[in-house]
Amino acid sequence: MTAETKIEIETVQGSGSCCSTDGSCHDTGADAQAGGVTTVYQVSGMTCGHCEGAVSSEISEIPGVSSVKAVAATGTVTVVSDAPLDEAAVRAAVDEAGYELVGQG
């Protein structure tokens, strides 16, 4: 790693880049779309960005889902959908990703 690369990495990490002080990836409610239903789920077993991506990818395939934001550090998955989702469908998607849906939180 060059000194330039190291400085660039430290700058991104140190500045919080896209992460807010609570550890979420943004500090605004921009994901919540007008007229959408926002539901927060607790998922156990997520430990990294790959986990977040796997869970997000599976849940985003549920019809009516417009956005998914998983945060491994807190175990939360925020889903914005056109209408309330069937919890069994969300549970199946999380299971498919290899994690466990604890419930709504």
C-alpha atoms as a PDB file:
ATOM      1  CA  MET A   1       0.000   0.000   0.000  1.00  0.00           C
ATOM      2  CA  THR A   2       1.410   3.348  -0.971  1.00  0.00           C
ATOM      3  CA  ALA A   3       1.356   6.323   1.379  1.00  0.00           C
ATOM      4  CA  GLU A   4      -1.122   8.011  -0.955  1.00  0.00           C
ATOM      5  CA  THR A   5      -3.482   5.030  -0.823  1.00  0.00           C
ATOM      6  CA  LYS A   6      -3.158   4.846   2.965  1.00  0.00           C
ATOM      7  CA  ILE A   7      -4.021   8.538   3.329  1.00  0.00           C
ATOM      8  CA  GLU A   8      -6.983   8.122   0.993  1.00  0.00           C
ATOM      9  CA  ILE A   9      -8.297   5.153   3.007  1.00  0.00           C
ATOM     10  CA  GLU A  10      -7.812   6.961   6.300  1.00  0.00           C
ATOM     11  CA  THR A  11      -9.580  10.024   4.935  1.00  0.00           C
ATOM     12  CA  VAL A  12     -12.601   8.001   3.838  1.00  0.00           C
ATOM     13  CA  GLN A  13     -12.744   6.009   7.064  1.00  0.00           C
ATOM     14  CA  GLY A  14     -12.084   8.987   9.298  1.00  0.00           C
ATOM     15  CA  SER A  15     -14.547  11.298   7.612  1.00  0.00           C
ATOM     16  CA  GLY A  16     -17.456   8.916   8.032  1.00  0.00           C
ATOM     17  CA  SER A  17     -17.927   9.204   4.269  1.00  0.00           C
ATOM     18  CA  CYS A  18     -21.460   7.968   3.768  1.00  0.00           C
ATOM     19  CA  CYS A  19     -21.986   6.744   7.328  1.00  0.00           C
ATOM     20  CA  SER A  20     -23.788   8.714   9.994  1.00  0.00           C
ATOM     21  CA  THR A  21     -22.884   8.800  13.669  1.00  0.00           C
ATOM     22  CA  ASP A  22     -25.348   5.985  14.451  1.00  0.00           C
ATOM     23  CA  GLY A  23     -23.540   3.626  12.041  1.00  0.00           C
ATOM     24  CA  SER A  24     -26.140   3.761   9.304  1.00  0.00           C
ATOM     25  CA  CYS A  25     -25.027   4.401   5.765  1.00  0.00           C
ATOM     26  CA  HIS A  26     -26.724   7.762   5.466  1.00  0.00           C
ATOM     27  CA  ASP A  27     -27.997  10.422   7.726  1.00  0.00           C
ATOM     28  CA  THR A  28     -31.236  11.295   5.970  1.00  0.00           C
ATOM     29  CA  GLY A  29     -34.489   9.493   5.365  1.00  0.00           C
ATOM     30  CA  ALA A  30     -33.923   9.609   1.614  1.00  0.00           C
ATOM     31  CA  ASP A  31     -34.701   5.892   1.240  1.00  0.00           C
ATOM     32  CA  ALA A  32     -38.193   6.282   2.614  1.00  0.00           C
ATOM     33  CA  GLN A  33     -40.273   6.958  -0.448  1.00  0.00           C
ATOM     34  CA  ALA A  34     -43.544   8.870  -0.358  1.00  0.00           C
ATOM     35  CA  GLY A  35     -46.460   6.502   0.058  1.00  0.00           C
ATOM     36  CA  GLY A  36     -44.225   3.552   0.897  1.00  0.00           C
ATOM     37  CA  VAL A  37     -44.368   1.349   3.967  1.00  0.00           C
ATOM     38  CA  THR A  38     -41.130   1.239   5.976  1.00  0.00           C
ATOM     39  CA  THR A  39     -40.552  -1.808   8.173  1.00  0.00           C
ATOM     40  CA  VAL A  40     -37.482  -2.579  10.273  1.00  0.00           C
ATOM     41  CA  TYR A  41     -36.561  -6.216  10.881  1.00  0.00           C
ATOM     42  CA  GLN A  42     -33.995  -7.757  13.225  1.00  0.00           C
ATOM     43  CA  VAL A  43     -31.766 -10.352  11.555  1.00  0.00           C
ATOM     44  CA  SER A  44     -29.185 -12.415  13.408  1.00  0.00           C
ATOM     45  CA  GLY A  45     -25.908 -13.653  11.996  1.00  0.00           C
ATOM     46  CA  MET A  46     -24.889 -10.691   9.824  1.00  0.00           C
ATOM     47  CA  THR A  47     -21.285  -9.687  10.484  1.00  0.00           C
ATOM     48  CA  CYS A  48     -20.035  -7.800   7.412  1.00  0.00           C
ATOM     49  CA  GLY A  49     -20.830  -6.052   4.149  1.00  0.00           C
ATOM     50  CA  HIS A  50     -21.113  -9.369   2.327  1.00  0.00           C
ATOM     51  CA  CYS A  51     -23.819 -10.430   4.798  1.00  0.00           C
ATOM     52  CA  GLU A  52     -25.642  -7.142   4.280  1.00  0.00           C
ATOM     53  CA  GLY A  53     -25.520  -7.627   0.514  1.00  0.00           C
ATOM     54  CA  ALA A  54     -26.786 -11.204   0.656  1.00  0.00           C
ATOM     55  CA  VAL A  55     -29.752 -10.296   2.858  1.00  0.00           C
ATOM     56  CA  SER A  56     -30.544  -7.162   0.841  1.00  0.00           C
ATOM     57  CA  SER A  57     -30.379  -9.048  -2.435  1.00  0.00           C
ATOM     58  CA  GLU A  58     -32.806 -11.755  -1.326  1.00  0.00           C
ATOM     59  CA  ILE A  59     -35.304  -9.366   0.264  1.00  0.00           C
ATOM     60  CA  SER A  60     -35.218  -7.029  -2.755  1.00  0.00           C
ATOM     61  CA  GLU A  61     -36.598  -9.881  -4.883  1.00  0.00           C
ATOM     62  CA  ILE A  62     -39.888  -9.859  -2.951  1.00  0.00           C
ATOM     63  CA  PRO A  63     -42.572  -8.219  -5.133  1.00  0.00           C
ATOM     64  CA  GLY A  64     -43.377  -4.668  -4.036  1.00  0.00           C
ATOM     65  CA  VAL A  65     -40.039  -3.999  -2.316  1.00  0.00           C
ATOM     66  CA  SER A  66     -38.541  -0.704  -3.459  1.00  0.00           C
ATOM     67  CA  SER A  67     -35.491  -0.491  -1.184  1.00  0.00           C
ATOM     68  CA  VAL A  68     -33.594  -2.550   1.376  1.00  0.00           C
ATOM     69  CA  LYS A  69     -30.876  -1.384   3.754  1.00  0.00           C
ATOM     70  CA  ALA A  70     -29.158  -3.969   5.957  1.00  0.00           C
ATOM     71  CA  VAL A  71     -26.755  -2.922   8.724  1.00  0.00           C
ATOM     72  CA  ALA A  72     -24.672  -5.771  10.127  1.00  0.00           C
ATOM     73  CA  ALA A  73     -23.464  -3.763  13.129  1.00  0.00           C
ATOM     74  CA  THR A  74     -26.996  -3.402  14.476  1.00  0.00           C
ATOM     75  CA  GLY A  75     -28.593  -6.470  12.905  1.00  0.00           C
ATOM     76  CA  THR A  76     -31.295  -4.307  11.381  1.00  0.00           C
ATOM     77  CA  VAL A  77     -32.786  -4.473   7.918  1.00  0.00           C
ATOM     78  CA  THR A  78     -34.956  -1.564   6.831  1.00  0.00           C
ATOM     79  CA  VAL A  79     -37.339  -2.380   3.995  1.00  0.00           C
ATOM     80  CA  VAL A  80     -39.453   0.089   2.040  1.00  0.00           C
ATOM     81  CA  SER A  81     -42.312  -1.512   0.132  1.00  0.00           C
ATOM     82  CA  ASP A  82     -45.498  -0.540  -1.685  1.00  0.00           C
ATOM     83  CA  ALA A  83     -47.632  -2.334   0.936  1.00  0.00           C
ATOM     84  CA  PRO A  84     -46.994  -4.252   4.165  1.00  0.00           C
ATOM     85  CA  LEU A  85     -45.026  -7.430   3.462  1.00  0.00           C
ATOM     86  CA  ASP A  86     -45.960 -10.936   4.498  1.00  0.00           C
ATOM     87  CA  GLU A  87     -43.508 -11.789   7.280  1.00  0.00           C
ATOM     88  CA  ALA A  88     -43.297 -15.376   6.001  1.00  0.00           C
ATOM     89  CA  ALA A  89     -41.965 -14.074   2.667  1.00  0.00           C
ATOM     90  CA  VAL A  90     -39.353 -11.937   4.435  1.00  0.00           C
ATOM     91  CA  ARG A  91     -38.399 -14.870   6.676  1.00  0.00           C
ATOM     92  CA  ALA A  92     -37.996 -17.142   3.629  1.00  0.00           C
ATOM     93  CA  ALA A  93     -35.786 -14.558   1.888  1.00  0.00           C
ATOM     94  CA  VAL A  94     -33.585 -14.108   4.969  1.00  0.00           C
ATOM     95  CA  ASP A  95     -33.348 -17.906   5.373  1.00  0.00           C
ATOM     96  CA  GLU A  96     -32.358 -18.220   1.716  1.00  0.00           C
ATOM     97  CA  ALA A  97     -29.528 -15.761   2.350  1.00  0.00           C
ATOM     98  CA  GLY A  98     -28.357 -17.957   5.245  1.00  0.00           C
ATOM     99  CA  TYR A  99     -29.448 -15.821   8.200  1.00  0.00           C
ATOM    100  CA  GLU A 100     -32.273 -15.806  10.739  1.00  0.00           C
ATOM    101  CA  LEU A 101     -35.142 -13.347  10.932  1.00  0.00           C
ATOM    102  CA  VAL A 102     -35.626 -12.588  14.627  1.00  0.00           C
ATOM    103  CA  GLY A 103     -38.674 -10.395  14.062  1.00  0.00           C
ATOM    104  CA  GLN A 104     -39.670  -6.793  13.581  1.00  0.00           C
ATOM    105  CA  GLY A 105     -37.735  -4.318  15.575  1.00  0.00           C
END
